[in-house]
Amino acid sequence: VCASVLSSGINAEYGAEAEAQYGADNIKIFQSKFTNMFYSMTTRKPKTYMKLICVLPEERIVGLHVLGLGADEMLQGFAVAVVAGATKKQFDSTVAIHPTSAEEFVTMSWGLSI
């Protein structure tokens, strides 16, 4: 099974680009790392990584990153929302695109401020 790494919006590796553009105090990052349900019945347990980069105070999403099974399919739909200026609150009230790991993007409940 092939996994993909895809991104939409700002690249916030170590937060440098997001901090430079918006200021360190104005960025909130939501992150998740888990085993995709696809692998629940296998001995192989690769991880899926997801990140939402938001600008405060409204938590407008300026970046979305995913590494794992189905990343290509998930990003196609979420990229439109990011470009349109969607907020974390709007993501939270949305039904996710399948594959099932996409649901993590619309249920992330904690953020890591950088």
PDB file of N, CA and C in Angstrom:
ATOM      1  N   VAL A   1       0.849  -1.173   0.000  1.00  0.00           N
ATOM      2  CA  VAL A   1       0.000   0.000   0.000  1.00  0.00           C
ATOM      3  C   VAL A   1       0.897   1.240   0.000  1.00  0.00           C
ATOM      4  N   CYS A   2       0.618   2.126  -0.882  1.00  0.00           N
ATOM      5  CA  CYS A   2       1.410   3.346  -1.015  1.00  0.00           C
ATOM      6  C   CYS A   2       0.847   4.457  -0.134  1.00  0.00           C
ATOM      7  N   ALA A   3       1.718   5.164   0.550  1.00  0.00           N
ATOM      8  CA  ALA A   3       1.312   6.310   1.363  1.00  0.00           C
ATOM      9  C   ALA A   3       1.802   7.586   0.686  1.00  0.00           C
ATOM     10  N   SER A   4       1.136   8.671   0.954  1.00  0.00           N
ATOM     11  CA  SER A   4       1.479   9.953   0.344  1.00  0.00           C
ATOM     12  C   SER A   4       1.756  11.004   1.406  1.00  0.00           C
ATOM     13  N   VAL A   5       2.547  12.001   1.041  1.00  0.00           N
ATOM     14  CA  VAL A   5       2.759  13.185   1.858  1.00  0.00           C
ATOM     15  C   VAL A   5       2.281  14.361   1.029  1.00  0.00           C
ATOM     16  N   LEU A   6       1.296  15.086   1.531  1.00  0.00           N
ATOM     17  CA  LEU A   6       0.771  16.215   0.777  1.00  0.00           C
ATOM     18  C   LEU A   6       0.484  17.382   1.708  1.00  0.00           C
ATOM     19  N   SER A   7       0.536  18.578   1.162  1.00  0.00           N
ATOM     20  CA  SER A   7       0.299  19.786   1.941  1.00  0.00           C
ATOM     21  C   SER A   7      -0.540  20.767   1.152  1.00  0.00           C
ATOM     22  N   SER A   8      -1.251  21.593   1.867  1.00  0.00           N
ATOM     23  CA  SER A   8      -1.980  22.699   1.262  1.00  0.00           C
ATOM     24  C   SER A   8      -1.766  23.918   2.140  1.00  0.00           C
ATOM     25  N   GLY A   9      -1.492  25.037   1.532  1.00  0.00           N
ATOM     26  CA  GLY A   9      -1.320  26.257   2.308  1.00  0.00           C
ATOM     27  C   GLY A   9       0.116  26.434   2.768  1.00  0.00           C
ATOM     28  N   ILE A  10       0.268  27.155   3.820  1.00  0.00           N
ATOM     29  CA  ILE A  10       1.587  27.531   4.321  1.00  0.00           C
ATOM     30  C   ILE A  10       2.335  26.327   4.891  1.00  0.00           C
ATOM     31  N   ASN A  11       3.630  26.282   4.673  1.00  0.00           N
ATOM     32  CA  ASN A  11       4.465  25.227   5.230  1.00  0.00           C
ATOM     33  C   ASN A  11       5.001  25.717   6.564  1.00  0.00           C
ATOM     34  N   ALA A  12       4.642  25.044   7.620  1.00  0.00           N
ATOM     35  CA  ALA A  12       5.060  25.497   8.950  1.00  0.00           C
ATOM     36  C   ALA A  12       6.026  24.524   9.598  1.00  0.00           C
ATOM     37  N   GLU A  13       6.963  24.002   8.814  1.00  0.00           N
ATOM     38  CA  GLU A  13       7.958  23.136   9.417  1.00  0.00           C
ATOM     39  C   GLU A  13       8.699  23.939  10.458  1.00  0.00           C
ATOM     40  N   TYR A  14       8.609  23.459  11.699  1.00  0.00           N
ATOM     41  CA  TYR A  14       9.152  24.130  12.876  1.00  0.00           C
ATOM     42  C   TYR A  14       8.504  25.490  13.099  1.00  0.00           C
ATOM     43  N   GLY A  15       7.455  25.799  12.375  1.00  0.00           N
ATOM     44  CA  GLY A  15       6.722  27.041  12.584  1.00  0.00           C
ATOM     45  C   GLY A  15       7.365  28.271  11.992  1.00  0.00           C
ATOM     46  N   ALA A  16       8.496  28.139  11.336  1.00  0.00           N
ATOM     47  CA  ALA A  16       9.254  29.300  10.870  1.00  0.00           C
ATOM     48  C   ALA A  16       8.489  30.158   9.877  1.00  0.00           C
ATOM     49  N   GLU A  17       7.922  29.551   8.859  1.00  0.00           N
ATOM     50  CA  GLU A  17       7.222  30.341   7.845  1.00  0.00           C
ATOM     51  C   GLU A  17       5.963  30.971   8.417  1.00  0.00           C
ATOM     52  N   ALA A  18       5.209  30.212   9.202  1.00  0.00           N
ATOM     53  CA  ALA A  18       3.987  30.747   9.809  1.00  0.00           C
ATOM     54  C   ALA A  18       4.320  31.878  10.785  1.00  0.00           C
ATOM     55  N   GLU A  19       5.355  31.686  11.580  1.00  0.00           N
ATOM     56  CA  GLU A  19       5.758  32.742  12.528  1.00  0.00           C
ATOM     57  C   GLU A  19       6.184  33.997  11.792  1.00  0.00           C
ATOM     58  N   ALA A  20       6.940  33.854  10.726  1.00  0.00           N
ATOM     59  CA  ALA A  20       7.407  35.011   9.965  1.00  0.00           C
ATOM     60  C   ALA A  20       6.247  35.775   9.347  1.00  0.00           C
ATOM     61  N   GLN A  21       5.257  35.057   8.870  1.00  0.00           N
ATOM     62  CA  GLN A  21       4.140  35.710   8.191  1.00  0.00           C
ATOM     63  C   GLN A  21       3.108  36.281   9.156  1.00  0.00           C
ATOM     64  N   TYR A  22       2.823  35.576  10.260  1.00  0.00           N
ATOM     65  CA  TYR A  22       1.721  35.964  11.141  1.00  0.00           C
ATOM     66  C   TYR A  22       2.145  36.338  12.556  1.00  0.00           C
ATOM     67  N   GLY A  23       3.367  36.024  12.944  1.00  0.00           N
ATOM     68  CA  GLY A  23       3.826  36.263  14.310  1.00  0.00           C
ATOM     69  C   GLY A  23       3.600  35.041  15.183  1.00  0.00           C
ATOM     70  N   ALA A  24       4.580  34.709  15.998  1.00  0.00           N
ATOM     71  CA  ALA A  24       4.540  33.491  16.822  1.00  0.00           C
ATOM     72  C   ALA A  24       3.321  33.432  17.744  1.00  0.00           C
ATOM     73  N   ASP A  25       2.900  34.562  18.269  1.00  0.00           N
ATOM     74  CA  ASP A  25       1.763  34.583  19.198  1.00  0.00           C
ATOM     75  C   ASP A  25       0.414  34.426  18.493  1.00  0.00           C
ATOM     76  N   ASN A  26       0.422  34.456  17.171  1.00  0.00           N
ATOM     77  CA  ASN A  26      -0.822  34.381  16.405  1.00  0.00           C
ATOM     78  C   ASN A  26      -1.038  33.043  15.721  1.00  0.00           C
ATOM     79  N   ILE A  27      -0.217  32.049  16.042  1.00  0.00           N
ATOM     80  CA  ILE A  27      -0.286  30.741  15.391  1.00  0.00           C
ATOM     81  C   ILE A  27      -0.690  29.680  16.404  1.00  0.00           C
ATOM     82  N   LYS A  28      -1.586  28.801  15.987  1.00  0.00           N
ATOM     83  CA  LYS A  28      -1.954  27.638  16.789  1.00  0.00           C
ATOM     84  C   LYS A  28      -1.932  26.437  15.860  1.00  0.00           C
ATOM     85  N   ILE A  29      -1.242  25.376  16.284  1.00  0.00           N
ATOM     86  CA  ILE A  29      -1.113  24.178  15.466  1.00  0.00           C
ATOM     87  C   ILE A  29      -1.817  23.021  16.136  1.00  0.00           C
ATOM     88  N   PHE A  30      -2.668  22.344  15.380  1.00  0.00           N
ATOM     89  CA  PHE A  30      -3.332  21.125  15.825  1.00  0.00           C
ATOM     90  C   PHE A  30      -2.622  19.963  15.148  1.00  0.00           C
ATOM     91  N   GLN A  31      -2.211  18.968  15.927  1.00  0.00           N
ATOM     92  CA  GLN A  31      -1.470  17.837  15.385  1.00  0.00           C
ATOM     93  C   GLN A  31      -2.057  16.524  15.855  1.00  0.00           C
ATOM     94  N   SER A  32      -1.880  15.501  15.035  1.00  0.00           N
ATOM     95  CA  SER A  32      -2.350  14.175  15.410  1.00  0.00           C
ATOM     96  C   SER A  32      -1.450  13.126  14.776  1.00  0.00           C
ATOM     97  N   LYS A  33      -1.247  12.037  15.502  1.00  0.00           N
ATOM     98  CA  LYS A  33      -0.465  10.894  15.021  1.00  0.00           C
ATOM     99  C   LYS A  33      -1.207   9.643  15.476  1.00  0.00           C
ATOM    100  N   PHE A  34      -1.539   8.767  14.546  1.00  0.00           N
ATOM    101  CA  PHE A  34      -2.328   7.588  14.892  1.00  0.00           C
ATOM    102  C   PHE A  34      -2.131   6.511  13.847  1.00  0.00           C
ATOM    103  N   THR A  35      -2.583   5.309  14.159  1.00  0.00           N
ATOM    104  CA  THR A  35      -2.601   4.218  13.189  1.00  0.00           C
ATOM    105  C   THR A  35      -3.952   4.237  12.483  1.00  0.00           C
ATOM    106  N   ASN A  36      -3.915   4.315  11.176  1.00  0.00           N
ATOM    107  CA  ASN A  36      -5.122   4.337  10.354  1.00  0.00           C
ATOM    108  C   ASN A  36      -5.916   3.046  10.570  1.00  0.00           C
ATOM    109  N   MET A  37      -7.233   3.143  10.600  1.00  0.00           N
ATOM    110  CA  MET A  37      -8.083   1.968  10.803  1.00  0.00           C
ATOM    111  C   MET A  37      -7.837   0.879   9.764  1.00  0.00           C
ATOM    112  N   PHE A  38      -7.371   1.254   8.600  1.00  0.00           N
ATOM    113  CA  PHE A  38      -7.060   0.294   7.545  1.00  0.00           C
ATOM    114  C   PHE A  38      -6.100  -0.780   8.047  1.00  0.00           C
ATOM    115  N   TYR A  39      -5.214  -0.417   8.958  1.00  0.00           N
ATOM    116  CA  TYR A  39      -4.195  -1.328   9.464  1.00  0.00           C
ATOM    117  C   TYR A  39      -4.581  -2.014  10.774  1.00  0.00           C
ATOM    118  N   SER A  40      -5.803  -1.855  11.227  1.00  0.00           N
ATOM    119  CA  SER A  40      -6.195  -2.392  12.531  1.00  0.00           C
ATOM    120  C   SER A  40      -6.117  -3.911  12.608  1.00  0.00           C
ATOM    121  N   MET A  41      -6.265  -4.594  11.513  1.00  0.00           N
ATOM    122  CA  MET A  41      -6.245  -6.061  11.521  1.00  0.00           C
ATOM    123  C   MET A  41      -4.954  -6.630  10.933  1.00  0.00           C
ATOM    124  N   THR A  42      -3.933  -5.810  10.825  1.00  0.00           N
ATOM    125  CA  THR A  42      -2.664  -6.269  10.255  1.00  0.00           C
ATOM    126  C   THR A  42      -1.567  -6.223  11.307  1.00  0.00           C
ATOM    127  N   THR A  43      -0.467  -6.881  11.012  1.00  0.00           N
ATOM    128  CA  THR A  43       0.681  -6.816  11.920  1.00  0.00           C
ATOM    129  C   THR A  43       1.490  -5.547  11.667  1.00  0.00           C
ATOM    130  N   ARG A  44       1.381  -4.997  10.483  1.00  0.00           N
ATOM    131  CA  ARG A  44       2.078  -3.753  10.142  1.00  0.00           C
ATOM    132  C   ARG A  44       1.230  -2.578  10.630  1.00  0.00           C
ATOM    133  N   LYS A  45       1.825  -1.639  11.379  1.00  0.00           N
ATOM    134  CA  LYS A  45       1.076  -0.528  11.973  1.00  0.00           C
ATOM    135  C   LYS A  45       1.719   0.830  11.638  1.00  0.00           C
ATOM    136  N   PRO A  46       1.781   1.200  10.357  1.00  0.00           N
ATOM    137  CA  PRO A  46       2.351   2.517  10.026  1.00  0.00           C
ATOM    138  C   PRO A  46       1.469   3.638  10.582  1.00  0.00           C
ATOM    139  N   LYS A  47       2.088   4.741  10.902  1.00  0.00           N
ATOM    140  CA  LYS A  47       1.379   5.884  11.473  1.00  0.00           C
ATOM    141  C   LYS A  47       0.905   6.852  10.397  1.00  0.00           C
ATOM    142  N   THR A  48      -0.170   7.542  10.697  1.00  0.00           N
ATOM    143  CA  THR A  48      -0.652   8.656   9.894  1.00  0.00           C
ATOM    144  C   THR A  48      -0.403   9.912  10.714  1.00  0.00           C
ATOM    145  N   TYR A  49       0.136  10.946  10.080  1.00  0.00           N
ATOM    146  CA  TYR A  49       0.415  12.221  10.742  1.00  0.00           C
ATOM    147  C   TYR A  49      -0.430  13.305  10.088  1.00  0.00           C
ATOM    148  N   MET A  50      -1.039  14.164  10.908  1.00  0.00           N
ATOM    149  CA  MET A  50      -1.850  15.264  10.389  1.00  0.00           C
ATOM    150  C   MET A  50      -1.546  16.537  11.164  1.00  0.00           C
ATOM    151  N   LYS A  51      -1.646  17.656  10.469  1.00  0.00           N
ATOM    152  CA  LYS A  51      -1.403  18.948  11.107  1.00  0.00           C
ATOM    153  C   LYS A  51      -2.290  20.001  10.475  1.00  0.00           C
ATOM    154  N   LEU A  52      -2.926  20.817  11.312  1.00  0.00           N
ATOM    155  CA  LEU A  52      -3.644  22.013  10.865  1.00  0.00           C
ATOM    156  C   LEU A  52      -2.907  23.212  11.433  1.00  0.00           C
ATOM    157  N   ILE A  53      -2.610  24.196  10.609  1.00  0.00           N
ATOM    158  CA  ILE A  53      -1.945  25.415  11.053  1.00  0.00           C
ATOM    159  C   ILE A  53      -2.968  26.534  10.981  1.00  0.00           C
ATOM    160  N   CYS A  54      -3.244  27.140  12.133  1.00  0.00           N
ATOM    161  CA  CYS A  54      -4.304  28.148  12.237  1.00  0.00           C
ATOM    162  C   CYS A  54      -3.747  29.486  12.683  1.00  0.00           C
ATOM    163  N   VAL A  55      -4.408  30.550  12.216  1.00  0.00           N
ATOM    164  CA  VAL A  55      -4.074  31.910  12.639  1.00  0.00           C
ATOM    165  C   VAL A  55      -5.158  32.371  13.609  1.00  0.00           C
ATOM    166  N   LEU A  56      -4.721  32.857  14.749  1.00  0.00           N
ATOM    167  CA  LEU A  56      -5.624  33.352  15.785  1.00  0.00           C
ATOM    168  C   LEU A  56      -6.073  34.774  15.445  1.00  0.00           C
ATOM    169  N   PRO A  57      -7.155  35.257  15.978  1.00  0.00           N
ATOM    170  CA  PRO A  57      -7.998  34.663  17.004  1.00  0.00           C
ATOM    171  C   PRO A  57      -9.098  33.757  16.448  1.00  0.00           C
ATOM    172  N   GLU A  58      -9.414  33.862  15.150  1.00  0.00           N
ATOM    173  CA  GLU A  58     -10.542  33.096  14.616  1.00  0.00           C
ATOM    174  C   GLU A  58     -10.158  31.669  14.225  1.00  0.00           C
ATOM    175  N   GLU A  59      -8.882  31.316  14.360  1.00  0.00           N
ATOM    176  CA  GLU A  59      -8.366  29.999  13.989  1.00  0.00           C
ATOM    177  C   GLU A  59      -8.617  29.691  12.513  1.00  0.00           C
ATOM    178  N   ARG A  60      -8.324  30.692  11.666  1.00  0.00           N
ATOM    179  CA  ARG A  60      -8.416  30.497  10.215  1.00  0.00           C
ATOM    180  C   ARG A  60      -7.314  29.532   9.804  1.00  0.00           C
ATOM    181  N   ILE A  61      -7.659  28.522   9.047  1.00  0.00           N
ATOM    182  CA  ILE A  61      -6.690  27.496   8.652  1.00  0.00           C
ATOM    183  C   ILE A  61      -5.878  28.007   7.469  1.00  0.00           C
ATOM    184  N   VAL A  62      -4.561  28.072   7.660  1.00  0.00           N
ATOM    185  CA  VAL A  62      -3.666  28.539   6.599  1.00  0.00           C
ATOM    186  C   VAL A  62      -2.765  27.423   6.094  1.00  0.00           C
ATOM    187  N   GLY A  63      -2.809  26.267   6.727  1.00  0.00           N
ATOM    188  CA  GLY A  63      -2.017  25.134   6.275  1.00  0.00           C
ATOM    189  C   GLY A  63      -2.614  23.833   6.758  1.00  0.00           C
ATOM    190  N   LEU A  64      -2.473  22.820   5.940  1.00  0.00           N
ATOM    191  CA  LEU A  64      -2.998  21.501   6.260  1.00  0.00           C
ATOM    192  C   LEU A  64      -2.005  20.499   5.691  1.00  0.00           C
ATOM    193  N   HIS A  65      -1.504  19.617   6.539  1.00  0.00           N
ATOM    194  CA  HIS A  65      -0.491  18.654   6.117  1.00  0.00           C
ATOM    195  C   HIS A  65      -0.925  17.259   6.523  1.00  0.00           C
ATOM    196  N   VAL A  66      -0.639  16.294   5.663  1.00  0.00           N
ATOM    197  CA  VAL A  66      -0.987  14.906   5.974  1.00  0.00           C
ATOM    198  C   VAL A  66       0.060  13.980   5.359  1.00  0.00           C
ATOM    199  N   LEU A  67       0.448  12.995   6.140  1.00  0.00           N
ATOM    200  CA  LEU A  67       1.364  11.942   5.715  1.00  0.00           C
ATOM    201  C   LEU A  67       0.694  10.625   6.049  1.00  0.00           C
ATOM    202  N   GLY A  68       0.395   9.823   5.036  1.00  0.00           N
ATOM    203  CA  GLY A  68      -0.215   8.538   5.307  1.00  0.00           C
ATOM    204  C   GLY A  68      -1.144   8.080   4.213  1.00  0.00           C
ATOM    205  N   LEU A  69      -1.750   6.940   4.466  1.00  0.00           N
ATOM    206  CA  LEU A  69      -2.660   6.317   3.519  1.00  0.00           C
ATOM    207  C   LEU A  69      -3.825   7.249   3.174  1.00  0.00           C
ATOM    208  N   GLY A  70      -4.061   7.466   1.898  1.00  0.00           N
ATOM    209  CA  GLY A  70      -5.192   8.278   1.460  1.00  0.00           C
ATOM    210  C   GLY A  70      -4.958   9.777   1.487  1.00  0.00           C
ATOM    211  N   ALA A  71      -3.722  10.213   1.722  1.00  0.00           N
ATOM    212  CA  ALA A  71      -3.435  11.652   1.804  1.00  0.00           C
ATOM    213  C   ALA A  71      -3.852  12.375   0.532  1.00  0.00           C
ATOM    214  N   ASP A  72      -3.624  11.757  -0.604  1.00  0.00           N
ATOM    215  CA  ASP A  72      -3.965  12.401  -1.869  1.00  0.00           C
ATOM    216  C   ASP A  72      -5.458  12.668  -1.995  1.00  0.00           C
ATOM    217  N   GLU A  73      -6.277  11.708  -1.589  1.00  0.00           N
ATOM    218  CA  GLU A  73      -7.726  11.882  -1.661  1.00  0.00           C
ATOM    219  C   GLU A  73      -8.237  12.925  -0.668  1.00  0.00           C
ATOM    220  N   MET A  74      -7.700  12.910   0.538  1.00  0.00           N
ATOM    221  CA  MET A  74      -8.141  13.861   1.555  1.00  0.00           C
ATOM    222  C   MET A  74      -7.816  15.290   1.158  1.00  0.00           C
ATOM    223  N   LEU A  75      -6.601  15.499   0.684  1.00  0.00           N
ATOM    224  CA  LEU A  75      -6.155  16.857   0.407  1.00  0.00           C
ATOM    225  C   LEU A  75      -6.936  17.513  -0.726  1.00  0.00           C
ATOM    226  N   GLN A  76      -7.405  16.731  -1.673  1.00  0.00           N
ATOM    227  CA  GLN A  76      -8.179  17.308  -2.781  1.00  0.00           C
ATOM    228  C   GLN A  76      -9.375  18.100  -2.279  1.00  0.00           C
ATOM    229  N   GLY A  77     -10.090  17.564  -1.317  1.00  0.00           N
ATOM    230  CA  GLY A  77     -11.265  18.256  -0.795  1.00  0.00           C
ATOM    231  C   GLY A  77     -10.929  19.349   0.193  1.00  0.00           C
ATOM    232  N   PHE A  78     -10.003  19.059   1.098  1.00  0.00           N
ATOM    233  CA  PHE A  78      -9.662  20.041   2.122  1.00  0.00           C
ATOM    234  C   PHE A  78      -8.943  21.257   1.561  1.00  0.00           C
ATOM    235  N   ALA A  79      -8.216  21.107   0.461  1.00  0.00           N
ATOM    236  CA  ALA A  79      -7.494  22.238  -0.124  1.00  0.00           C
ATOM    237  C   ALA A  79      -8.448  23.355  -0.527  1.00  0.00           C
ATOM    238  N   VAL A  80      -9.605  23.009  -1.026  1.00  0.00           N
ATOM    239  CA  VAL A  80     -10.600  24.021  -1.400  1.00  0.00           C
ATOM    240  C   VAL A  80     -11.013  24.831  -0.177  1.00  0.00           C
ATOM    241  N   ALA A  81     -11.242  24.153   0.934  1.00  0.00           N
ATOM    242  CA  ALA A  81     -11.639  24.844   2.166  1.00  0.00           C
ATOM    243  C   ALA A  81     -10.531  25.754   2.672  1.00  0.00           C
ATOM    244  N   VAL A  82      -9.289  25.299   2.610  1.00  0.00           N
ATOM    245  CA  VAL A  82      -8.160  26.117   3.076  1.00  0.00           C
ATOM    246  C   VAL A  82      -8.024  27.369   2.211  1.00  0.00           C
ATOM    247  N   VAL A  83      -8.078  27.201   0.911  1.00  0.00           N
ATOM    248  CA  VAL A  83      -7.967  28.345  -0.003  1.00  0.00           C
ATOM    249  C   VAL A  83      -9.130  29.322   0.204  1.00  0.00           C
ATOM    250  N   ALA A  84     -10.303  28.800   0.545  1.00  0.00           N
ATOM    251  CA  ALA A  84     -11.482  29.648   0.766  1.00  0.00           C
ATOM    252  C   ALA A  84     -11.464  30.345   2.124  1.00  0.00           C
ATOM    253  N   GLY A  85     -10.477  30.045   2.970  1.00  0.00           N
ATOM    254  CA  GLY A  85     -10.370  30.731   4.259  1.00  0.00           C
ATOM    255  C   GLY A  85     -11.148  30.082   5.389  1.00  0.00           C
ATOM    256  N   ALA A  86     -11.339  28.777   5.331  1.00  0.00           N
ATOM    257  CA  ALA A  86     -12.101  28.070   6.370  1.00  0.00           C
ATOM    258  C   ALA A  86     -11.436  28.202   7.740  1.00  0.00           C
ATOM    259  N   THR A  87     -12.252  28.128   8.775  1.00  0.00           N
ATOM    260  CA  THR A  87     -11.768  28.186  10.151  1.00  0.00           C
ATOM    261  C   THR A  87     -11.848  26.802  10.795  1.00  0.00           C
ATOM    262  N   LYS A  88     -11.166  26.652  11.927  1.00  0.00           N
ATOM    263  CA  LYS A  88     -11.219  25.397  12.671  1.00  0.00           C
ATOM    264  C   LYS A  88     -12.651  25.090  13.087  1.00  0.00           C
ATOM    265  N   LYS A  89     -13.402  26.111  13.484  1.00  0.00           N
ATOM    266  CA  LYS A  89     -14.798  25.911  13.872  1.00  0.00           C
ATOM    267  C   LYS A  89     -15.616  25.347  12.712  1.00  0.00           C
ATOM    268  N   GLN A  90     -15.374  25.836  11.504  1.00  0.00           N
ATOM    269  CA  GLN A  90     -16.078  25.306  10.340  1.00  0.00           C
ATOM    270  C   GLN A  90     -15.675  23.858  10.058  1.00  0.00           C
ATOM    271  N   PHE A  91     -14.401  23.550  10.219  1.00  0.00           N
ATOM    272  CA  PHE A  91     -13.964  22.155  10.073  1.00  0.00           C
ATOM    273  C   PHE A  91     -14.655  21.275  11.103  1.00  0.00           C
ATOM    274  N   ASP A  92     -14.756  21.764  12.345  1.00  0.00           N
ATOM    275  CA  ASP A  92     -15.366  20.984  13.427  1.00  0.00           C
ATOM    276  C   ASP A  92     -16.834  20.660  13.145  1.00  0.00           C
ATOM    277  N   SER A  93     -17.497  21.465  12.350  1.00  0.00           N
ATOM    278  CA  SER A  93     -18.917  21.235  12.068  1.00  0.00           C
ATOM    279  C   SER A  93     -19.143  20.547  10.717  1.00  0.00           C
ATOM    280  N   THR A  94     -18.100  19.930  10.197  1.00  0.00           N
ATOM    281  CA  THR A  94     -18.142  19.312   8.875  1.00  0.00           C
ATOM    282  C   THR A  94     -18.049  17.792   8.979  1.00  0.00           C
ATOM    283  N   VAL A  95     -18.710  17.104   8.074  1.00  0.00           N
ATOM    284  CA  VAL A  95     -18.552  15.659   7.943  1.00  0.00           C
ATOM    285  C   VAL A  95     -17.355  15.438   7.024  1.00  0.00           C
ATOM    286  N   ALA A  96     -16.446  14.577   7.437  1.00  0.00           N
ATOM    287  CA  ALA A  96     -15.192  14.405   6.712  1.00  0.00           C
ATOM    288  C   ALA A  96     -15.345  13.619   5.423  1.00  0.00           C
ATOM    289  N   ILE A  97     -14.387  13.846   4.555  1.00  0.00           N
ATOM    290  CA  ILE A  97     -14.246  13.086   3.326  1.00  0.00           C
ATOM    291  C   ILE A  97     -13.684  11.720   3.706  1.00  0.00           C
ATOM    292  N   HIS A  98     -14.140  10.673   3.032  1.00  0.00           N
ATOM    293  CA  HIS A  98     -13.543   9.361   3.285  1.00  0.00           C
ATOM    294  C   HIS A  98     -12.333   9.223   2.391  1.00  0.00           C
ATOM    295  N   PRO A  99     -11.251   8.593   2.802  1.00  0.00           N
ATOM    296  CA  PRO A  99     -11.131   7.499   3.762  1.00  0.00           C
ATOM    297  C   PRO A  99     -11.332   7.949   5.201  1.00  0.00           C
ATOM    298  N   THR A 100     -11.520   6.998   6.058  1.00  0.00           N
ATOM    299  CA  THR A 100     -11.901   7.298   7.428  1.00  0.00           C
ATOM    300  C   THR A 100     -10.901   8.158   8.177  1.00  0.00           C
ATOM    301  N   SER A 101      -9.625   8.119   7.839  1.00  0.00           N
ATOM    302  CA  SER A 101      -8.657   8.934   8.572  1.00  0.00           C
ATOM    303  C   SER A 101      -8.891  10.424   8.376  1.00  0.00           C
ATOM    304  N   ALA A 102      -9.609  10.825   7.334  1.00  0.00           N
ATOM    305  CA  ALA A 102      -9.927  12.237   7.117  1.00  0.00           C
ATOM    306  C   ALA A 102     -10.753  12.806   8.258  1.00  0.00           C
ATOM    307  N   GLU A 103     -11.482  11.962   8.951  1.00  0.00           N
ATOM    308  CA  GLU A 103     -12.299  12.430  10.060  1.00  0.00           C
ATOM    309  C   GLU A 103     -11.459  13.064  11.159  1.00  0.00           C
ATOM    310  N   GLU A 104     -10.193  12.702  11.241  1.00  0.00           N
ATOM    311  CA  GLU A 104      -9.309  13.297  12.247  1.00  0.00           C
ATOM    312  C   GLU A 104      -9.174  14.804  12.043  1.00  0.00           C
ATOM    313  N   PHE A 105      -9.155  15.259  10.785  1.00  0.00           N
ATOM    314  CA  PHE A 105      -9.034  16.694  10.516  1.00  0.00           C
ATOM    315  C   PHE A 105     -10.208  17.495  11.063  1.00  0.00           C
ATOM    316  N   VAL A 106     -11.387  16.911  11.111  1.00  0.00           N
ATOM    317  CA  VAL A 106     -12.559  17.655  11.571  1.00  0.00           C
ATOM    318  C   VAL A 106     -12.941  17.319  13.007  1.00  0.00           C
ATOM    319  N   THR A 107     -12.069  16.595  13.709  1.00  0.00           N
ATOM    320  CA  THR A 107     -12.324  16.298  15.129  1.00  0.00           C
ATOM    321  C   THR A 107     -11.135  16.624  16.019  1.00  0.00           C
ATOM    322  N   MET A 108     -10.065  17.213  15.471  1.00  0.00           N
ATOM    323  CA  MET A 108      -8.909  17.556  16.305  1.00  0.00           C
ATOM    324  C   MET A 108      -9.356  18.511  17.394  1.00  0.00           C
ATOM    325  N   SER A 109      -9.036  18.163  18.635  1.00  0.00           N
ATOM    326  CA  SER A 109      -9.581  18.943  19.743  1.00  0.00           C
ATOM    327  C   SER A 109      -8.540  19.669  20.581  1.00  0.00           C
ATOM    328  N   TRP A 110      -7.303  19.546  20.251  1.00  0.00           N
ATOM    329  CA  TRP A 110      -6.291  20.252  21.037  1.00  0.00           C
ATOM    330  C   TRP A 110      -5.268  20.853  20.098  1.00  0.00           C
ATOM    331  N   GLY A 111      -4.657  21.892  20.546  1.00  0.00           N
ATOM    332  CA  GLY A 111      -3.674  22.553  19.724  1.00  0.00           C
ATOM    333  C   GLY A 111      -2.372  22.760  20.465  1.00  0.00           C
ATOM    334  N   LEU A 112      -1.326  22.814  19.721  1.00  0.00           N
ATOM    335  CA  LEU A 112      -0.001  23.079  20.251  1.00  0.00           C
ATOM    336  C   LEU A 112       0.401  24.452  19.768  1.00  0.00           C
ATOM    337  N   SER A 113       0.466  25.419  20.642  1.00  0.00           N
ATOM    338  CA  SER A 113       0.885  26.747  20.241  1.00  0.00           C
ATOM    339  C   SER A 113       2.401  26.760  20.098  1.00  0.00           C
ATOM    340  N   ILE A 114       2.870  27.384  19.014  1.00  0.00           N
ATOM    341  CA  ILE A 114       4.314  27.446  18.813  1.00  0.00           C
ATOM    342  C   ILE A 114       4.807  28.858  18.992  1.00  0.00           C
TER     343      ILE A 114
END
